[in-house]
């Protein structure tokens, strides 16, 4: 009997609030994320939008979210739906 190891590659996206949304704190970010609202990608695919459903579907591991006028970064763990 053969055994297989399933390897899932997760990646990280750097985003900010879409449509000129600027977050003041991490709780606002997590609420926005849990309501499946959009974030704007500012990395390689700059301008593309991503929400909670998209992040899970495309196997994103973490969202680095810029907030407080892009001065701070919060990290959403997509697999655990938690924030650091």
N, C-alpha and C. Protein backbone atom coordinates (compact mmCIF):
# COMPACT_ATOMS: atom_id res chain seq x y z
N UNK A 1 0.83 -1.18 0.00
CA UNK A 1 0.00 0.00 0.00
C UNK A 1 0.89 1.25 0.00
N UNK A 2 0.59 2.15 -0.91
CA UNK A 2 1.36 3.39 -1.01
C UNK A 2 0.76 4.45 -0.10
N UNK A 3 1.64 5.26 0.44
CA UNK A 3 1.15 6.41 1.22
C UNK A 3 1.62 7.68 0.51
N UNK A 4 0.82 8.67 0.58
CA UNK A 4 1.11 9.94 -0.08
C UNK A 4 1.14 11.05 0.94
N UNK A 5 2.04 11.97 0.73
CA UNK A 5 2.11 13.16 1.57
C UNK A 5 1.55 14.31 0.75
N UNK A 6 0.55 14.94 1.29
CA UNK A 6 -0.07 16.08 0.60
C UNK A 6 0.63 17.35 1.06
N UNK A 7 1.21 18.06 0.12
CA UNK A 7 1.90 19.31 0.43
C UNK A 7 1.08 20.46 -0.13
N UNK A 8 0.73 21.37 0.74
CA UNK A 8 -0.01 22.56 0.32
C UNK A 8 0.90 23.77 0.50
N UNK A 9 1.06 24.51 -0.55
CA UNK A 9 1.90 25.70 -0.50
C UNK A 9 1.02 26.91 -0.21
N UNK A 10 1.30 27.56 0.89
CA UNK A 10 0.59 28.78 1.23
C UNK A 10 1.49 29.96 0.91
N UNK A 11 0.89 31.07 0.56
CA UNK A 11 1.67 32.26 0.28
C UNK A 11 1.10 33.44 1.05
N UNK A 12 1.82 34.54 1.02
CA UNK A 12 1.46 35.74 1.76
C UNK A 12 1.21 36.88 0.79
N UNK A 13 0.15 37.64 1.04
CA UNK A 13 -0.15 38.83 0.26
C UNK A 13 -0.05 40.05 1.16
N UNK A 14 0.43 41.15 0.60
CA UNK A 14 0.42 42.42 1.31
C UNK A 14 -0.72 43.25 0.75
N UNK A 15 -1.59 43.70 1.64
CA UNK A 15 -2.82 44.39 1.23
C UNK A 15 -3.06 45.61 2.10
N UNK A 16 -4.04 46.42 1.68
CA UNK A 16 -4.58 47.52 2.49
C UNK A 16 -6.08 47.53 2.27
N UNK A 17 -6.79 48.30 3.04
CA UNK A 17 -8.23 48.39 2.86
C UNK A 17 -8.57 48.90 1.47
N UNK A 18 -9.53 48.28 0.82
CA UNK A 18 -9.93 48.69 -0.53
C UNK A 18 -10.83 49.92 -0.46
N UNK A 19 -10.91 50.61 -1.57
CA UNK A 19 -11.81 51.76 -1.73
C UNK A 19 -11.53 52.84 -0.68
N UNK A 20 -10.25 53.14 -0.48
CA UNK A 20 -9.79 54.20 0.45
C UNK A 20 -10.08 53.92 1.91
N UNK A 21 -10.31 52.68 2.28
CA UNK A 21 -10.52 52.32 3.68
C UNK A 21 -9.18 52.31 4.40
N UNK A 22 -9.10 53.03 5.51
CA UNK A 22 -7.91 53.02 6.35
C UNK A 22 -8.32 52.58 7.75
N UNK A 23 -7.70 51.54 8.25
CA UNK A 23 -8.05 50.99 9.55
C UNK A 23 -7.28 51.70 10.65
N UNK A 24 -7.91 51.85 11.80
CA UNK A 24 -7.28 52.49 12.96
C UNK A 24 -6.62 51.46 13.88
N UNK A 25 -7.16 50.24 13.90
CA UNK A 25 -6.62 49.22 14.80
C UNK A 25 -6.89 47.82 14.24
N UNK A 26 -6.33 46.83 14.92
CA UNK A 26 -6.43 45.44 14.46
C UNK A 26 -7.86 44.90 14.54
N UNK A 27 -8.62 45.34 15.53
CA UNK A 27 -10.00 44.84 15.65
C UNK A 27 -10.84 45.28 14.45
N UNK A 28 -10.61 46.49 13.94
CA UNK A 28 -11.32 46.94 12.73
C UNK A 28 -10.93 46.07 11.53
N UNK A 29 -9.66 45.72 11.45
CA UNK A 29 -9.18 44.89 10.34
C UNK A 29 -9.85 43.52 10.38
N UNK A 30 -9.86 42.89 11.55
CA UNK A 30 -10.43 41.55 11.68
C UNK A 30 -11.93 41.56 11.41
N UNK A 31 -12.63 42.60 11.85
CA UNK A 31 -14.07 42.72 11.57
C UNK A 31 -14.30 42.84 10.06
N UNK A 32 -13.51 43.67 9.39
CA UNK A 32 -13.60 43.86 7.94
C UNK A 32 -13.38 42.52 7.22
N UNK A 33 -12.36 41.80 7.64
CA UNK A 33 -12.01 40.50 7.07
C UNK A 33 -13.15 39.49 7.27
N UNK A 34 -13.66 39.40 8.49
CA UNK A 34 -14.71 38.42 8.80
C UNK A 34 -16.04 38.73 8.12
N UNK A 35 -16.24 39.99 7.72
CA UNK A 35 -17.43 40.36 6.95
C UNK A 35 -17.24 40.14 5.45
N UNK A 36 -16.12 39.52 5.09
CA UNK A 36 -15.80 39.19 3.70
C UNK A 36 -15.71 40.43 2.81
N UNK A 37 -15.25 41.53 3.37
CA UNK A 37 -15.08 42.76 2.59
C UNK A 37 -13.72 42.74 1.90
N UNK A 38 -13.59 43.58 0.88
CA UNK A 38 -12.40 43.58 0.03
C UNK A 38 -11.20 44.29 0.65
N UNK A 39 -10.04 43.75 0.31
CA UNK A 39 -8.75 44.38 0.55
C UNK A 39 -8.12 44.57 -0.82
N UNK A 40 -7.28 45.59 -0.95
CA UNK A 40 -6.59 45.85 -2.20
C UNK A 40 -5.16 45.33 -2.11
N UNK A 41 -4.78 44.50 -3.06
CA UNK A 41 -3.43 43.94 -3.09
C UNK A 41 -2.43 45.02 -3.48
N UNK A 42 -1.37 45.17 -2.72
CA UNK A 42 -0.34 46.16 -3.06
C UNK A 42 0.99 45.50 -3.37
N UNK A 43 0.96 44.19 -3.57
CA UNK A 43 2.17 43.44 -3.90
C UNK A 43 2.31 43.29 -5.41
N UNK A 44 2.68 42.10 -5.83
CA UNK A 44 2.94 41.79 -7.23
C UNK A 44 1.71 42.04 -8.10
N UNK A 45 0.55 41.63 -7.64
CA UNK A 45 -0.70 41.83 -8.40
C UNK A 45 -1.38 43.11 -7.95
N UNK A 46 -0.64 44.18 -7.90
CA UNK A 46 -1.15 45.45 -7.39
C UNK A 46 -2.45 45.85 -8.07
N UNK A 47 -3.42 46.24 -7.25
CA UNK A 47 -4.72 46.66 -7.78
C UNK A 47 -5.78 45.58 -7.74
N UNK A 48 -5.37 44.33 -7.62
CA UNK A 48 -6.34 43.23 -7.52
C UNK A 48 -6.97 43.25 -6.14
N UNK A 49 -8.20 42.78 -6.04
CA UNK A 49 -8.92 42.76 -4.77
C UNK A 49 -9.00 41.33 -4.24
N UNK A 50 -8.96 41.22 -2.92
CA UNK A 50 -9.06 39.91 -2.27
C UNK A 50 -9.89 40.07 -1.00
N UNK A 51 -10.71 39.07 -0.71
CA UNK A 51 -11.48 39.05 0.53
C UNK A 51 -11.25 37.70 1.22
N UNK A 52 -11.91 37.46 2.33
CA UNK A 52 -11.71 36.22 3.09
C UNK A 52 -11.96 34.98 2.23
N UNK A 53 -13.05 34.98 1.50
CA UNK A 53 -13.41 33.83 0.66
C UNK A 53 -12.33 33.58 -0.40
N UNK A 54 -11.87 34.65 -1.05
CA UNK A 54 -10.82 34.51 -2.07
C UNK A 54 -9.53 33.97 -1.47
N UNK A 55 -9.15 34.52 -0.31
CA UNK A 55 -7.90 34.11 0.34
C UNK A 55 -7.91 32.62 0.64
N UNK A 56 -9.03 32.12 1.13
CA UNK A 56 -9.12 30.69 1.43
C UNK A 56 -9.14 29.84 0.15
N UNK A 57 -9.87 30.30 -0.85
CA UNK A 57 -9.97 29.55 -2.11
C UNK A 57 -8.61 29.44 -2.81
N UNK A 58 -7.81 30.51 -2.75
CA UNK A 58 -6.52 30.52 -3.45
C UNK A 58 -5.35 30.16 -2.54
N UNK A 59 -5.66 29.54 -1.38
CA UNK A 59 -4.65 29.01 -0.47
C UNK A 59 -3.65 30.07 0.00
N UNK A 60 -4.15 31.25 0.33
CA UNK A 60 -3.31 32.28 0.93
C UNK A 60 -3.13 31.91 2.39
N UNK A 61 -1.91 31.93 2.87
CA UNK A 61 -1.64 31.58 4.26
C UNK A 61 -1.79 32.78 5.19
N UNK A 62 -1.30 33.94 4.72
CA UNK A 62 -1.28 35.14 5.55
C UNK A 62 -1.57 36.38 4.70
N UNK A 63 -2.26 37.31 5.31
CA UNK A 63 -2.46 38.64 4.73
C UNK A 63 -1.72 39.64 5.61
N UNK A 64 -0.72 40.31 5.05
CA UNK A 64 -0.07 41.41 5.74
C UNK A 64 -0.88 42.66 5.42
N UNK A 65 -1.56 43.20 6.42
CA UNK A 65 -2.48 44.32 6.21
C UNK A 65 -1.83 45.61 6.68
N UNK A 66 -1.68 46.56 5.75
CA UNK A 66 -1.15 47.89 6.11
C UNK A 66 -2.31 48.70 6.70
N UNK A 67 -2.04 49.43 7.79
CA UNK A 67 -3.07 50.26 8.41
C UNK A 67 -2.44 51.47 9.08
N UNK A 68 -3.28 52.35 9.62
CA UNK A 68 -2.84 53.64 10.21
C UNK A 68 -2.00 54.40 9.19
N UNK A 69 -2.63 54.70 8.05
CA UNK A 69 -1.98 55.43 6.97
C UNK A 69 -0.71 54.72 6.48
N UNK A 70 -0.78 53.40 6.39
CA UNK A 70 0.31 52.53 5.92
C UNK A 70 1.54 52.54 6.82
N UNK A 71 1.40 52.99 8.06
CA UNK A 71 2.54 53.05 8.97
C UNK A 71 2.75 51.75 9.75
N UNK A 72 1.69 50.93 9.89
CA UNK A 72 1.79 49.69 10.66
C UNK A 72 1.32 48.51 9.82
N UNK A 73 1.71 47.31 10.28
CA UNK A 73 1.29 46.08 9.60
C UNK A 73 0.71 45.12 10.63
N UNK A 74 -0.45 44.57 10.29
CA UNK A 74 -1.06 43.49 11.08
C UNK A 74 -1.08 42.26 10.19
N UNK A 75 -0.95 41.09 10.78
CA UNK A 75 -0.89 39.85 10.00
C UNK A 75 -2.10 38.99 10.32
N UNK A 76 -2.91 38.71 9.29
CA UNK A 76 -4.05 37.80 9.43
C UNK A 76 -3.59 36.41 9.04
N UNK A 77 -3.80 35.45 9.94
CA UNK A 77 -3.56 34.05 9.64
C UNK A 77 -4.85 33.52 9.02
N UNK A 78 -4.85 33.31 7.73
CA UNK A 78 -6.06 32.95 6.98
C UNK A 78 -6.56 31.57 7.40
N UNK A 79 -5.68 30.63 7.68
CA UNK A 79 -6.13 29.29 8.04
C UNK A 79 -6.78 29.26 9.41
N UNK A 80 -6.37 30.16 10.31
CA UNK A 80 -6.93 30.21 11.67
C UNK A 80 -7.90 31.35 11.88
N UNK A 81 -8.07 32.23 10.89
CA UNK A 81 -8.93 33.42 11.00
C UNK A 81 -8.59 34.25 12.24
N UNK A 82 -7.28 34.42 12.47
CA UNK A 82 -6.83 35.20 13.62
C UNK A 82 -5.87 36.29 13.16
N UNK A 83 -5.59 37.23 14.05
CA UNK A 83 -4.73 38.36 13.70
C UNK A 83 -3.65 38.53 14.75
N UNK A 84 -2.47 38.95 14.29
CA UNK A 84 -1.34 39.27 15.18
C UNK A 84 -1.01 40.72 15.04
